[in-house]
Amino acid sequence: MATTVHEPPRIDPDRLPQKGHSGTGGWGNFVPTDGDLRVTLEYSPPPSSTAIWVVLFAVTMMFAAFSSALIVRKGSSQDWQSFTLPPILYLNTLILLASSVTLEVARRRVSAFMRGMKSHAENPARWLYITLALGLLFVAGQYVAWTQLRAQGLYLATNPSSSFFYVLTVTHVVHVLGGLGGLLYVIRKLSKSSLRRNALVATARYWHFMGGLWVYLILLLWFKV
């Protein structure tokens, strides 16, 4: 019986994925039309995508404990002295919320840039820098609020209400500084054309969480302090 041997299919080397490329087009095929620039890489190890949720859960539990302690302490305290919150805190709230908007714009601009929908002459990091500036402005505003309270004679150990105010606001600012560090990391990776999608998504998720957490804290302080 004769046996027919089929010629193996030919593979065009030009169509094979290049070394260092996943072959999937990166971040959901977010590759510029000319193929010269590849800033965002799609793959990131699963632990990096879940780590942010672990961090957010830990932060939530921390502030939940602080909130419970505040409520219990005020309810059983005979030396609780309420005070008026510094008005600059409301401006700081608007600044932090605005930074969430600019970060979301930045995320969309980076995505559009990598799809080739935006000109290469446009700097996709512009809105990241704006978000960074707003975050720094928020931190500076919080420092102004603390100095205003000190000018009124309200310090960490003055009374329970002022103690909780400083603990909550300072702890939140420390976490905001962590978010600013994340923004700097994203900007640096973007400038080196090595930004991963999950890094930007995780940073944005953390930053938005800080904004929502601050809204919760300002309401808690307004009602309880």
Protein backbone atom coordinates (compact mmCIF):
# COMPACT_ATOMS: atom_id res chain seq x y z
CA MET A 1 0.00 0.00 0.00
CA ALA A 2 1.43 3.34 -0.97
CA THR A 3 1.84 5.91 1.76
CA THR A 4 1.31 9.58 1.04
CA VAL A 5 3.65 11.92 2.86
CA HIS A 6 2.33 15.42 3.22
CA GLU A 7 4.70 18.31 3.16
CA PRO A 8 4.76 20.07 6.56
CA PRO A 9 3.22 23.52 6.60
CA ARG A 10 5.59 26.36 6.07
CA ILE A 11 5.88 29.01 8.76
CA ASP A 12 6.66 32.55 7.85
CA PRO A 13 9.38 33.76 10.29
CA ASP A 14 8.19 37.35 9.88
CA ARG A 15 4.87 36.43 11.47
CA LEU A 16 6.35 34.81 14.55
CA PRO A 17 6.25 36.79 17.84
CA GLN A 18 9.52 38.55 18.48
CA LYS A 19 11.60 37.85 21.54
CA GLY A 20 10.26 39.73 24.55
CA HIS A 21 6.77 39.99 23.06
CA SER A 22 3.81 37.94 24.17
CA GLY A 23 2.37 37.89 20.66
CA THR A 24 -0.95 39.09 21.98
CA GLY A 25 -0.39 42.74 21.20
CA GLY A 26 0.28 43.67 24.80
CA TRP A 27 -2.40 45.34 26.89
CA GLY A 28 -5.43 44.05 25.01
CA ASN A 29 -3.59 44.68 21.71
CA PHE A 30 -2.71 48.15 22.94
CA VAL A 31 0.08 48.65 20.39
CA PRO A 32 0.55 51.82 18.33
CA THR A 33 -0.31 51.51 14.67
CA ASP A 34 3.30 51.83 13.52
CA GLY A 35 4.43 49.14 15.95
CA ASP A 36 7.46 51.16 17.11
CA LEU A 37 6.40 51.67 20.73
CA ARG A 38 5.24 49.16 23.27
CA VAL A 39 4.79 50.74 26.67
CA THR A 40 2.28 48.51 28.38
CA LEU A 41 2.79 44.78 28.79
CA GLU A 42 -0.29 42.71 29.40
CA TYR A 43 0.96 39.88 31.58
CA SER A 44 1.57 40.30 35.26
CA PRO A 45 1.83 37.47 37.81
CA PRO A 46 -1.49 36.72 39.55
CA PRO A 47 -0.12 37.61 43.02
CA SER A 48 0.46 41.19 41.91
CA SER A 49 -3.17 41.57 40.86
CA THR A 50 -4.49 40.17 44.14
CA ALA A 51 -2.02 41.94 46.41
CA ILE A 52 -3.84 45.25 46.04
CA TRP A 53 -7.04 43.66 47.37
CA VAL A 54 -5.15 42.32 50.37
CA VAL A 55 -3.79 45.81 51.04
CA LEU A 56 -7.21 47.44 50.70
CA PHE A 57 -8.75 44.86 53.01
CA ALA A 58 -6.07 45.49 55.63
CA VAL A 59 -6.55 49.26 55.40
CA THR A 60 -10.31 48.84 55.68
CA MET A 61 -9.98 46.73 58.80
CA MET A 62 -7.61 49.27 60.35
CA PHE A 63 -9.92 52.22 59.86
CA ALA A 64 -12.93 50.15 60.90
CA ALA A 65 -11.16 49.49 64.19
CA PHE A 66 -10.38 53.19 64.59
CA SER A 67 -13.99 54.09 63.84
CA SER A 68 -15.34 51.61 66.37
CA ALA A 69 -12.92 52.88 69.01
CA LEU A 70 -13.98 56.47 68.33
CA ILE A 71 -17.68 55.70 68.65
CA VAL A 72 -17.23 53.66 71.83
CA ARG A 73 -14.86 56.20 73.38
CA LYS A 74 -17.21 59.10 72.74
CA GLY A 75 -20.22 57.21 74.06
CA SER A 76 -18.51 56.38 77.36
CA SER A 77 -16.43 59.54 77.78
CA GLN A 78 -17.01 62.33 80.25
CA ASP A 79 -14.15 64.46 78.95
CA TRP A 80 -15.05 64.53 75.27
CA GLN A 81 -14.75 68.08 73.88
CA SER A 82 -16.13 68.65 70.40
CA PHE A 83 -14.53 71.22 68.12
CA THR A 84 -15.16 72.69 64.70
CA LEU A 85 -13.24 71.05 61.87
CA PRO A 86 -10.86 73.36 59.97
CA PRO A 87 -12.68 74.60 56.83
CA ILE A 88 -9.68 73.69 54.68
CA LEU A 89 -10.60 70.03 55.10
CA TYR A 90 -13.55 70.52 52.77
CA LEU A 91 -11.28 72.04 50.14
CA ASN A 92 -8.91 69.13 50.61
CA THR A 93 -11.82 66.78 49.98
CA LEU A 94 -12.53 68.43 46.63
CA ILE A 95 -8.84 68.27 45.71
CA LEU A 96 -8.60 64.56 46.45
CA LEU A 97 -11.80 63.79 44.55
CA ALA A 98 -10.50 65.85 41.61
CA SER A 99 -7.29 63.81 41.66
CA SER A 100 -9.35 60.63 41.23
CA VAL A 101 -10.95 62.17 38.15
CA THR A 102 -7.58 63.16 36.67
CA LEU A 103 -6.15 59.71 37.37
CA GLU A 104 -9.05 58.07 35.57
CA VAL A 105 -8.48 60.43 32.64
CA ALA A 106 -4.79 59.46 32.74
CA ARG A 107 -5.62 55.77 32.68
CA ARG A 108 -7.87 56.20 29.66
CA ARG A 109 -5.33 58.41 27.88
CA VAL A 110 -2.58 55.84 28.35
CA SER A 111 -4.88 53.12 27.01
CA ALA A 112 -5.85 55.22 24.00
CA PHE A 113 -2.23 56.14 23.38
CA MET A 114 -1.19 52.51 23.33
CA ARG A 115 -4.00 51.63 20.94
CA GLY A 116 -2.53 54.16 18.54
CA MET A 117 -5.62 56.35 18.84
CA LYS A 118 -3.55 59.31 20.01
CA SER A 119 -0.60 61.01 18.40
CA HIS A 120 2.84 60.04 19.64
CA ALA A 121 3.50 63.75 20.12
CA GLU A 122 1.01 63.73 22.97
CA ASN A 123 2.45 62.99 26.39
CA PRO A 124 0.27 60.29 28.00
CA ALA A 125 1.88 60.97 31.39
CA ARG A 126 0.55 64.53 31.56
CA TRP A 127 -2.53 63.62 33.54
CA LEU A 128 -0.48 61.41 35.83
CA TYR A 129 1.62 64.43 36.72
CA ILE A 130 -1.54 66.44 37.36
CA THR A 131 -2.81 63.70 39.68
CA LEU A 132 0.53 63.67 41.48
CA ALA A 133 0.41 67.45 41.94
CA LEU A 134 -3.14 67.29 43.33
CA GLY A 135 -2.11 64.54 45.73
CA LEU A 136 0.78 66.64 47.01
CA LEU A 137 -1.58 69.59 47.34
CA PHE A 138 -3.90 67.45 49.44
CA VAL A 139 -1.07 66.48 51.77
CA ALA A 140 -0.04 70.13 52.09
CA GLY A 141 -3.66 71.04 52.87
CA GLN A 142 -3.79 68.45 55.62
CA TYR A 143 -0.67 69.94 57.16
CA VAL A 144 -2.32 73.36 57.10
CA ALA A 145 -5.33 71.88 58.93
CA TRP A 146 -3.05 70.49 61.63
CA THR A 147 -1.32 73.84 62.09
CA GLN A 148 -4.70 75.56 62.39
CA LEU A 149 -5.72 73.16 65.14
CA ARG A 150 -2.44 73.68 66.96
CA ALA A 151 -3.02 77.41 66.78
CA GLN A 152 -6.29 76.80 68.67
CA GLY A 153 -4.44 74.83 71.34
CA LEU A 154 -5.65 71.43 70.10
CA TYR A 155 -2.88 68.83 70.12
CA LEU A 156 -2.74 65.06 70.01
CA ALA A 157 -3.14 64.69 73.79
CA THR A 158 -5.41 67.68 74.44
CA ASN A 159 -8.61 65.62 74.62
CA PRO A 160 -9.97 62.36 73.15
CA SER A 161 -11.66 64.09 70.22
CA SER A 162 -8.48 65.82 69.05
CA SER A 163 -6.53 62.59 69.56
CA PHE A 164 -8.82 60.67 67.22
CA PHE A 165 -8.70 63.50 64.70
CA TYR A 166 -4.92 63.43 64.49
CA VAL A 167 -4.72 59.65 64.45
CA LEU A 168 -7.26 59.27 61.65
CA THR A 169 -6.00 62.10 59.45
CA VAL A 170 -2.29 61.35 59.90
CA THR A 171 -2.81 57.64 59.20
CA HIS A 172 -4.77 58.49 56.08
CA VAL A 173 -2.04 60.87 54.87
CA VAL A 174 0.56 58.12 55.35
CA HIS A 175 -1.48 55.87 53.07
CA VAL A 176 -1.90 58.71 50.57
CA LEU A 177 1.88 59.07 50.50
CA GLY A 178 2.02 55.40 49.61
CA GLY A 179 -0.33 56.12 46.72
CA LEU A 180 1.92 58.98 45.59
CA GLY A 181 4.81 56.53 45.59
CA GLY A 182 2.75 54.27 43.37
CA LEU A 183 2.10 57.14 40.97
CA LEU A 184 5.81 57.91 40.78
CA TYR A 185 6.46 54.25 40.02
CA VAL A 186 3.89 54.26 37.21
CA ILE A 187 5.32 57.46 35.73
CA ARG A 188 8.87 56.07 35.83
CA LYS A 189 7.83 52.79 34.21
CA LEU A 190 5.87 54.65 31.55
CA SER A 191 8.89 56.80 30.73
CA LYS A 192 10.99 53.64 30.32
CA SER A 193 8.38 51.95 28.11
CA SER A 194 7.98 49.08 30.57
CA LEU A 195 4.68 49.83 32.29
CA ARG A 196 2.47 46.83 32.94
CA ARG A 197 -1.28 47.13 32.79
CA ASN A 198 -1.79 45.69 36.26
CA ALA A 199 0.54 48.26 37.79
CA LEU A 200 -1.54 51.14 36.48
CA VAL A 201 -4.84 49.46 37.36
CA ALA A 202 -3.70 48.62 40.88
CA THR A 203 -2.41 52.15 41.46
CA ALA A 204 -5.65 53.68 40.22
CA ARG A 205 -7.72 51.30 42.34
CA TYR A 206 -5.71 52.16 45.45
CA TRP A 207 -5.94 55.90 44.78
CA HIS A 208 -9.70 55.82 44.24
CA PHE A 209 -10.01 53.87 47.47
CA MET A 210 -8.07 56.57 49.32
CA GLY A 211 -10.50 59.15 47.97
CA GLY A 212 -13.53 57.18 49.08
CA LEU A 213 -11.95 56.49 52.45
CA TRP A 214 -11.35 60.19 53.01
CA VAL A 215 -14.98 61.02 52.23
CA TYR A 216 -15.97 58.47 54.86
CA LEU A 217 -13.52 59.92 57.38
CA ILE A 218 -14.59 63.52 56.87
CA LEU A 219 -18.22 62.50 57.45
CA LEU A 220 -17.27 60.48 60.53
CA LEU A 221 -15.28 63.38 61.98
CA TRP A 222 -18.02 65.88 61.13
CA PHE A 223 -20.65 63.84 62.97
CA LYS A 224 -18.59 62.51 65.87
CA VAL A 225 -15.84 65.04 66.59
